[in-house]
Amino acid sequence: MKYHIRILTIIMFALSYSAWGGEIYKWVDEKGNVHFSDQPGKSEAQQIDMPKFKTDPVLEQRQQDRQEMEKKEQDQNTAKSADEAEAQKKEQQRKKNCITARERVEQLQTVRRLFRIDESGERHDLSDEERATALQKAREDVKTWCD
């Protein structure tokens, strides 16, 4: 007899568990009456979110810890993307400076007559020493930006 009562009790708990896990819908009929049910009565029915029961504080803490960990990882990924974007921007600027420096070296080596324009707008031809100094500076820029 005790065996049958235990089995009956287990079956009752199993059946009642499904009732607790269902969804609840709310809608208003044509007469203005509010209805609640486990099935949507009409297309205008709204699903109601029921509060969850806190049954295991350890599980709740684990879920909270997991959420905090995910947030930290997301923040780190955001910081990494910002750092990567900054590094990519610096790399593009370095490449641009390298191309400019190489063009300057080629210009100084191939062009016969080089000049500079001073503040008053007058043109002055570069002497051999000025040209050699400018070429040396351009080669140093190539080493700085291209290597």
N, C-alpha and C. Protein backbone atom coordinates (compact mmCIF):
# COMPACT_ATOMS: atom_id res chain seq x y z
N MET A 1 0.81 -1.19 0.00
CA MET A 1 0.00 0.00 0.00
C MET A 1 0.86 1.27 0.00
N LYS A 2 1.93 1.28 0.82
CA LYS A 2 2.83 2.42 0.87
C LYS A 2 3.52 2.62 -0.48
N TYR A 3 3.80 1.51 -1.14
CA TYR A 3 4.45 1.56 -2.44
C TYR A 3 3.55 2.27 -3.46
N HIS A 4 2.26 1.99 -3.44
CA HIS A 4 1.32 2.61 -4.37
C HIS A 4 1.16 4.10 -4.08
N ILE A 5 1.19 4.49 -2.83
CA ILE A 5 1.06 5.90 -2.46
C ILE A 5 2.28 6.68 -2.95
N ARG A 6 3.46 6.09 -2.83
CA ARG A 6 4.67 6.74 -3.31
C ARG A 6 4.63 6.93 -4.82
N ILE A 7 4.22 5.91 -5.53
CA ILE A 7 4.14 6.01 -6.99
C ILE A 7 3.10 7.07 -7.38
N LEU A 8 1.98 7.08 -6.74
CA LEU A 8 0.94 8.06 -7.02
C LEU A 8 1.43 9.48 -6.73
N THR A 9 2.16 9.65 -5.64
CA THR A 9 2.72 10.96 -5.28
C THR A 9 3.71 11.43 -6.34
N ILE A 10 4.58 10.54 -6.80
CA ILE A 10 5.57 10.89 -7.83
C ILE A 10 4.87 11.29 -9.12
N ILE A 11 3.83 10.56 -9.49
CA ILE A 11 3.09 10.88 -10.72
C ILE A 11 2.42 12.25 -10.59
N MET A 12 1.85 12.55 -9.44
CA MET A 12 1.20 13.84 -9.24
C MET A 12 2.19 14.99 -9.33
N PHE A 13 3.39 14.81 -8.75
CA PHE A 13 4.41 15.86 -8.85
C PHE A 13 4.86 16.04 -10.29
N ALA A 14 5.01 14.94 -11.00
CA ALA A 14 5.44 15.03 -12.40
C ALA A 14 4.41 15.78 -13.24
N LEU A 15 3.14 15.53 -13.01
CA LEU A 15 2.10 16.20 -13.78
C LEU A 15 1.98 17.67 -13.38
N SER A 16 2.15 17.98 -12.12
CA SER A 16 2.04 19.37 -11.68
C SER A 16 3.23 20.19 -12.15
N TYR A 17 4.37 19.58 -12.38
CA TYR A 17 5.56 20.30 -12.84
C TYR A 17 5.31 20.90 -14.21
N SER A 18 4.62 20.16 -15.09
CA SER A 18 4.37 20.69 -16.42
C SER A 18 3.45 21.90 -16.37
N ALA A 19 2.55 21.96 -15.40
CA ALA A 19 1.67 23.12 -15.27
C ALA A 19 2.46 24.35 -14.84
N TRP A 20 3.49 24.19 -14.02
CA TRP A 20 4.30 25.32 -13.57
C TRP A 20 5.20 25.84 -14.68
N GLY A 21 5.59 24.98 -15.61
CA GLY A 21 6.55 25.38 -16.64
C GLY A 21 5.91 26.00 -17.86
N GLY A 22 4.58 26.10 -17.91
CA GLY A 22 3.90 26.61 -19.10
C GLY A 22 3.94 28.12 -19.18
N GLU A 23 3.40 28.62 -20.30
CA GLU A 23 3.32 30.05 -20.52
C GLU A 23 1.91 30.52 -20.19
N ILE A 24 1.80 31.79 -19.84
CA ILE A 24 0.50 32.35 -19.50
C ILE A 24 0.23 33.50 -20.48
N TYR A 25 -0.99 33.50 -21.02
CA TYR A 25 -1.39 34.52 -21.98
C TYR A 25 -2.54 35.34 -21.40
N LYS A 26 -2.59 36.60 -21.81
CA LYS A 26 -3.63 37.51 -21.34
C LYS A 26 -4.26 38.19 -22.56
N TRP A 27 -5.59 38.26 -22.58
CA TRP A 27 -6.27 38.99 -23.63
C TRP A 27 -7.60 39.52 -23.12
N VAL A 28 -8.13 40.48 -23.84
CA VAL A 28 -9.41 41.11 -23.48
C VAL A 28 -10.41 40.78 -24.58
N ASP A 29 -11.58 40.30 -24.20
CA ASP A 29 -12.61 39.95 -25.20
C ASP A 29 -13.41 41.19 -25.61
N GLU A 30 -14.44 40.98 -26.46
CA GLU A 30 -15.24 42.09 -26.99
C GLU A 30 -15.99 42.84 -25.89
N LYS A 31 -16.33 42.16 -24.82
CA LYS A 31 -17.09 42.77 -23.72
C LYS A 31 -16.20 43.49 -22.71
N GLY A 32 -14.88 43.43 -22.93
CA GLY A 32 -13.96 44.08 -22.02
C GLY A 32 -13.49 43.21 -20.88
N ASN A 33 -13.83 41.92 -20.90
CA ASN A 33 -13.39 41.00 -19.85
C ASN A 33 -11.96 40.54 -20.12
N VAL A 34 -11.18 40.52 -19.06
CA VAL A 34 -9.78 40.09 -19.16
C VAL A 34 -9.72 38.59 -18.93
N HIS A 35 -9.00 37.88 -19.82
CA HIS A 35 -8.86 36.44 -19.71
C HIS A 35 -7.39 36.07 -19.56
N PHE A 36 -7.14 35.04 -18.77
CA PHE A 36 -5.80 34.47 -18.60
C PHE A 36 -5.90 32.99 -18.94
N SER A 37 -4.90 32.49 -19.70
CA SER A 37 -4.94 31.09 -20.08
C SER A 37 -3.54 30.61 -20.44
N ASP A 38 -3.38 29.28 -20.55
CA ASP A 38 -2.11 28.73 -20.97
C ASP A 38 -2.01 28.65 -22.49
N GLN A 39 -3.09 29.04 -23.20
CA GLN A 39 -3.09 29.08 -24.66
C GLN A 39 -3.63 30.44 -25.10
N PRO A 40 -3.07 30.99 -26.16
CA PRO A 40 -3.56 32.30 -26.61
C PRO A 40 -4.97 32.16 -27.16
N GLY A 41 -5.89 32.92 -26.64
CA GLY A 41 -7.28 32.85 -27.08
C GLY A 41 -7.50 33.58 -28.39
N LYS A 42 -6.81 34.68 -28.58
CA LYS A 42 -6.95 35.49 -29.78
C LYS A 42 -5.57 35.90 -30.26
N SER A 43 -5.56 36.48 -31.45
CA SER A 43 -4.26 36.92 -31.99
C SER A 43 -3.69 38.09 -31.21
N GLU A 44 -4.53 38.84 -30.48
CA GLU A 44 -4.06 39.98 -29.69
C GLU A 44 -3.54 39.55 -28.31
N ALA A 45 -3.51 38.28 -28.04
CA ALA A 45 -3.09 37.81 -26.72
C ALA A 45 -1.63 38.15 -26.48
N GLN A 46 -1.34 38.57 -25.26
CA GLN A 46 0.03 38.91 -24.88
C GLN A 46 0.55 37.86 -23.92
N GLN A 47 1.79 37.44 -24.15
CA GLN A 47 2.40 36.47 -23.25
C GLN A 47 2.92 37.21 -22.02
N ILE A 48 2.66 36.67 -20.86
CA ILE A 48 3.05 37.29 -19.60
C ILE A 48 4.28 36.56 -19.08
N ASP A 49 5.30 37.33 -18.73
CA ASP A 49 6.50 36.75 -18.14
C ASP A 49 6.29 36.59 -16.65
N MET A 50 6.40 35.39 -16.18
CA MET A 50 6.23 35.12 -14.76
C MET A 50 7.59 35.13 -14.08
N PRO A 51 7.67 35.62 -12.86
CA PRO A 51 8.96 35.63 -12.15
C PRO A 51 9.41 34.20 -11.85
N LYS A 52 10.70 33.99 -11.94
CA LYS A 52 11.28 32.68 -11.66
C LYS A 52 11.48 32.54 -10.16
N PHE A 53 11.29 31.34 -9.68
CA PHE A 53 11.55 31.06 -8.27
C PHE A 53 13.03 30.80 -8.08
N LYS A 54 13.59 31.37 -7.04
CA LYS A 54 14.99 31.14 -6.72
C LYS A 54 15.08 29.89 -5.86
N THR A 55 15.52 28.83 -6.49
CA THR A 55 15.56 27.57 -5.76
C THR A 55 16.97 27.21 -5.30
N ASP A 56 17.98 27.69 -6.03
CA ASP A 56 19.34 27.30 -5.70
C ASP A 56 20.23 28.55 -5.70
N PRO A 57 20.62 29.06 -4.52
CA PRO A 57 21.44 30.28 -4.49
C PRO A 57 22.82 30.07 -5.11
N VAL A 58 23.35 28.86 -5.05
CA VAL A 58 24.65 28.58 -5.65
C VAL A 58 24.55 28.70 -7.17
N LEU A 59 23.48 28.13 -7.73
CA LEU A 59 23.26 28.22 -9.18
C LEU A 59 23.06 29.67 -9.60
N GLU A 60 22.34 30.42 -8.81
CA GLU A 60 22.11 31.84 -9.10
C GLU A 60 23.44 32.59 -9.11
N GLN A 61 24.31 32.30 -8.15
CA GLN A 61 25.62 32.94 -8.08
C GLN A 61 26.48 32.56 -9.28
N ARG A 62 26.41 31.31 -9.68
CA ARG A 62 27.18 30.85 -10.86
C ARG A 62 26.72 31.58 -12.12
N GLN A 63 25.41 31.74 -12.26
CA GLN A 63 24.90 32.44 -13.43
C GLN A 63 25.34 33.91 -13.42
N GLN A 64 25.32 34.51 -12.25
CA GLN A 64 25.76 35.90 -12.14
C GLN A 64 27.25 36.01 -12.45
N ASP A 65 28.05 35.08 -11.94
CA ASP A 65 29.48 35.07 -12.23
C ASP A 65 29.74 34.88 -13.72
N ARG A 66 28.97 34.01 -14.35
CA ARG A 66 29.12 33.77 -15.78
C ARG A 66 28.80 35.02 -16.58
N GLN A 67 27.74 35.73 -16.19
CA GLN A 67 27.38 36.97 -16.87
C GLN A 67 28.46 38.02 -16.72
N GLU A 68 29.04 38.13 -15.51
CA GLU A 68 30.11 39.09 -15.28
C GLU A 68 31.34 38.74 -16.12
N MET A 69 31.64 37.44 -16.21
CA MET A 69 32.79 36.99 -17.00
C MET A 69 32.57 37.30 -18.49
N GLU A 70 31.35 37.07 -18.98
CA GLU A 70 31.05 37.37 -20.38
C GLU A 70 31.16 38.86 -20.65
N LYS A 71 30.73 39.68 -19.69
CA LYS A 71 30.83 41.12 -19.86
C LYS A 71 32.29 41.56 -19.89
N LYS A 72 33.13 40.98 -19.03
CA LYS A 72 34.55 41.31 -19.04
C LYS A 72 35.19 40.92 -20.36
N GLU A 73 34.85 39.73 -20.87
CA GLU A 73 35.40 39.29 -22.14
C GLU A 73 34.96 40.21 -23.27
N GLN A 74 33.71 40.65 -23.23
CA GLN A 74 33.21 41.56 -24.25
C GLN A 74 33.95 42.90 -24.18
N ASP A 75 34.18 43.39 -22.96
CA ASP A 75 34.92 44.64 -22.80
C ASP A 75 36.35 44.49 -23.31
N GLN A 76 36.99 43.34 -23.02
CA GLN A 76 38.34 43.10 -23.51
C GLN A 76 38.38 43.04 -25.02
N ASN A 77 37.38 42.40 -25.62
CA ASN A 77 37.32 42.32 -27.08
C ASN A 77 37.14 43.70 -27.69
N THR A 78 36.35 44.54 -27.04
CA THR A 78 36.15 45.90 -27.52
C THR A 78 37.46 46.68 -27.44
N ALA A 79 38.18 46.50 -26.33
CA ALA A 79 39.47 47.19 -26.17
C ALA A 79 40.47 46.68 -27.20
N LYS A 80 40.46 45.36 -27.46
CA LYS A 80 41.37 44.80 -28.46
C LYS A 80 41.07 45.37 -29.83
N SER A 81 39.76 45.48 -30.18
CA SER A 81 39.43 46.02 -31.50
C SER A 81 39.87 47.47 -31.62
N ALA A 82 39.74 48.24 -30.54
CA ALA A 82 40.19 49.62 -30.58
C ALA A 82 41.71 49.69 -30.75
N ASP A 83 42.43 48.82 -30.02
CA ASP A 83 43.89 48.77 -30.15
C ASP A 83 44.30 48.33 -31.55
N GLU A 84 43.58 47.33 -32.10
CA GLU A 84 43.90 46.87 -33.44
C GLU A 84 43.63 47.95 -34.48
N ALA A 85 42.55 48.70 -34.30
CA ALA A 85 42.24 49.79 -35.22
C ALA A 85 43.32 50.87 -35.15
N GLU A 86 43.78 51.18 -33.95
CA GLU A 86 44.85 52.18 -33.77
C GLU A 86 46.15 51.69 -34.40
N ALA A 87 46.46 50.40 -34.20
CA ALA A 87 47.68 49.83 -34.79
C ALA A 87 47.59 49.85 -36.31
N GLN A 88 46.42 49.54 -36.85
CA GLN A 88 46.24 49.55 -38.30
C GLN A 88 46.40 50.97 -38.85
N LYS A 89 45.87 51.95 -38.12
CA LYS A 89 46.00 53.34 -38.54
C LYS A 89 47.47 53.77 -38.55
N LYS A 90 48.21 53.38 -37.51
CA LYS A 90 49.64 53.70 -37.44
C LYS A 90 50.41 53.02 -38.57
N GLU A 91 50.04 51.78 -38.87
CA GLU A 91 50.71 51.05 -39.95
C GLU A 91 50.46 51.71 -41.30
N GLN A 92 49.25 52.18 -41.55
CA GLN A 92 48.94 52.88 -42.79
C GLN A 92 49.74 54.18 -42.89
N GLN A 93 49.85 54.90 -41.77
CA GLN A 93 50.63 56.14 -41.77
C GLN A 93 52.11 55.84 -42.02
N ARG A 94 52.61 54.75 -41.44
CA ARG A 94 54.01 54.37 -41.65
C ARG A 94 54.26 54.06 -43.13
N LYS A 95 53.35 53.31 -43.75
CA LYS A 95 53.50 52.99 -45.17
C LYS A 95 53.48 54.25 -46.03
N LYS A 96 52.59 55.16 -45.69
CA LYS A 96 52.50 56.41 -46.44
C LYS A 96 53.81 57.21 -46.31
N ASN A 97 54.34 57.29 -45.09
CA ASN A 97 55.61 57.99 -44.86
C ASN A 97 56.75 57.31 -45.60
N CYS A 98 56.75 55.99 -45.65
CA CYS A 98 57.79 55.24 -46.35
C CYS A 98 57.77 55.57 -47.84
N ILE A 99 56.58 55.56 -48.44
CA ILE A 99 56.46 55.88 -49.87
C ILE A 99 56.95 57.30 -50.15
N THR A 100 56.56 58.23 -49.28
CA THR A 100 56.98 59.62 -49.45
C THR A 100 58.50 59.75 -49.34
N ALA A 101 59.10 59.06 -48.38
CA ALA A 101 60.55 59.12 -48.19
C ALA A 101 61.27 58.52 -49.39
N ARG A 102 60.80 57.41 -49.92
CA ARG A 102 61.45 56.79 -51.09
C ARG A 102 61.31 57.68 -52.32
N GLU A 103 60.17 58.30 -52.48
CA GLU A 103 60.00 59.22 -53.62
C GLU A 103 60.96 60.40 -53.50
N ARG A 104 61.16 60.87 -52.29
CA ARG A 104 62.07 62.01 -52.06
C ARG A 104 63.51 61.61 -52.41
N VAL A 105 63.93 60.39 -52.00
CA VAL A 105 65.28 59.92 -52.33
C VAL A 105 65.43 59.83 -53.84
N GLU A 106 64.45 59.25 -54.51
CA GLU A 106 64.52 59.11 -55.96
C GLU A 106 64.57 60.48 -56.63
N GLN A 107 63.80 61.42 -56.13
CA GLN A 107 63.80 62.77 -56.69
C GLN A 107 65.16 63.43 -56.53
N LEU A 108 65.73 63.30 -55.34
CA LEU A 108 67.04 63.93 -55.10
C LEU A 108 68.15 63.29 -55.92
N GLN A 109 68.02 62.02 -56.25
CA GLN A 109 69.05 61.33 -57.03
C GLN A 109 68.91 61.57 -58.53
N THR A 110 67.71 61.79 -59.01
CA THR A 110 67.51 61.86 -60.46
C THR A 110 67.38 63.27 -61.02
N VAL A 111 66.81 64.18 -60.28
CA VAL A 111 66.60 65.53 -60.80
C VAL A 111 67.90 66.31 -60.75
N ARG A 112 68.21 66.99 -61.85
CA ARG A 112 69.48 67.73 -61.94
C ARG A 112 69.44 69.02 -61.13
N ARG A 113 68.42 69.79 -61.33
CA ARG A 113 68.38 71.09 -60.68
C ARG A 113 67.24 71.10 -59.66
N LEU A 114 67.60 71.21 -58.42
CA LEU A 114 66.62 71.28 -57.33
C LEU A 114 66.63 72.69 -56.75
N PHE A 115 65.49 73.11 -56.28
CA PHE A 115 65.39 74.45 -55.69
C PHE A 115 64.44 74.39 -54.50
N ARG A 116 64.52 75.43 -53.71
CA ARG A 116 63.60 75.62 -52.61
C ARG A 116 63.07 77.04 -52.70
N ILE A 117 61.88 77.24 -52.14
CA ILE A 117 61.29 78.57 -52.16
C ILE A 117 61.27 79.07 -50.72
N ASP A 118 61.82 80.26 -50.51
CA ASP A 118 61.89 80.80 -49.15
C ASP A 118 60.59 81.48 -48.77
N GLU A 119 60.57 82.12 -47.58
CA GLU A 119 59.35 82.73 -47.06
C GLU A 119 58.85 83.88 -47.92
N SER A 120 59.75 84.57 -48.58
CA SER A 120 59.34 85.71 -49.42
C SER A 120 58.87 85.25 -50.80
N GLY A 121 58.99 83.96 -51.10
CA GLY A 121 58.51 83.43 -52.37
C GLY A 121 59.58 83.38 -53.44
N GLU A 122 60.82 83.66 -53.07
CA GLU A 122 61.90 83.63 -54.06
C GLU A 122 62.45 82.21 -54.19
N ARG A 123 62.88 81.90 -55.39
CA ARG A 123 63.42 80.58 -55.70
C ARG A 123 64.93 80.60 -55.55
N HIS A 124 65.47 79.57 -54.82
CA HIS A 124 66.91 79.43 -54.63
C HIS A 124 67.32 78.03 -55.04
N ASP A 125 68.31 77.94 -55.93
CA ASP A 125 68.81 76.63 -56.34
C ASP A 125 69.61 76.03 -55.19
N LEU A 126 69.50 74.68 -55.06
CA LEU A 126 70.24 73.99 -54.00
C LEU A 126 71.68 73.79 -54.43
N SER A 127 72.60 74.05 -53.52
CA SER A 127 74.02 73.78 -53.79
C SER A 127 74.26 72.29 -53.64
N ASP A 128 75.46 71.84 -54.02
CA ASP A 128 75.80 70.42 -53.90
C ASP A 128 75.76 69.97 -52.44
N GLU A 129 76.23 70.81 -51.52
CA GLU A 129 76.20 70.44 -50.10
C GLU A 129 74.77 70.33 -49.58
N GLU A 130 73.90 71.27 -49.96
CA GLU A 130 72.51 71.23 -49.54
C GLU A 130 71.80 70.00 -50.11
N ARG A 131 72.16 69.70 -51.35
CA ARG A 131 71.57 68.52 -51.99
C ARG A 131 72.01 67.24 -51.27
N ALA A 132 73.30 67.14 -50.93
CA ALA A 132 73.82 65.97 -50.22
C ALA A 132 73.19 65.85 -48.83
N THR A 133 73.00 66.96 -48.15
CA THR A 133 72.36 66.95 -46.83
C THR A 133 70.91 66.49 -46.94
N ALA A 134 70.19 66.99 -47.92
CA ALA A 134 68.79 66.61 -48.12
C ALA A 134 68.69 65.12 -48.49
N LEU A 135 69.65 64.63 -49.32
CA LEU A 135 69.66 63.22 -49.69
C LEU A 135 69.93 62.34 -48.47
N GLN A 136 70.87 62.76 -47.63
CA GLN A 136 71.17 62.00 -46.41
C GLN A 136 69.94 61.96 -45.49
N LYS A 137 69.25 63.07 -45.36
CA LYS A 137 68.04 63.14 -44.52
C LYS A 137 66.95 62.24 -45.10
N ALA A 138 66.80 62.24 -46.41
CA ALA A 138 65.78 61.41 -47.05
C ALA A 138 66.10 59.92 -46.85
N ARG A 139 67.36 59.55 -46.93
CA ARG A 139 67.76 58.15 -46.71
C ARG A 139 67.51 57.73 -45.25
N GLU A 140 67.76 58.63 -44.32
CA GLU A 140 67.46 58.34 -42.91
C GLU A 140 65.94 58.14 -42.71
N ASP A 141 65.14 58.96 -43.41
CA ASP A 141 63.68 58.79 -43.33
C ASP A 141 63.25 57.44 -43.89
N VAL A 142 63.92 56.99 -44.97
CA VAL A 142 63.60 55.67 -45.53
C VAL A 142 63.92 54.59 -44.49
N LYS A 143 65.06 54.70 -43.84
CA LYS A 143 65.40 53.70 -42.79
C LYS A 143 64.40 53.74 -41.65
N THR A 144 63.97 54.93 -41.26
CA THR A 144 63.04 55.07 -40.16
C THR A 144 61.68 54.48 -40.50
N TRP A 145 61.14 54.80 -41.67
CA TRP A 145 59.78 54.40 -41.99
C TRP A 145 59.64 53.08 -42.73
N CYS A 146 60.68 52.65 -43.41
CA CYS A 146 60.55 51.47 -44.27
C CYS A 146 61.14 50.20 -43.66
N ASP A 147 61.99 50.32 -42.70
CA ASP A 147 62.62 49.11 -42.14
C ASP A 147 61.94 48.64 -40.90
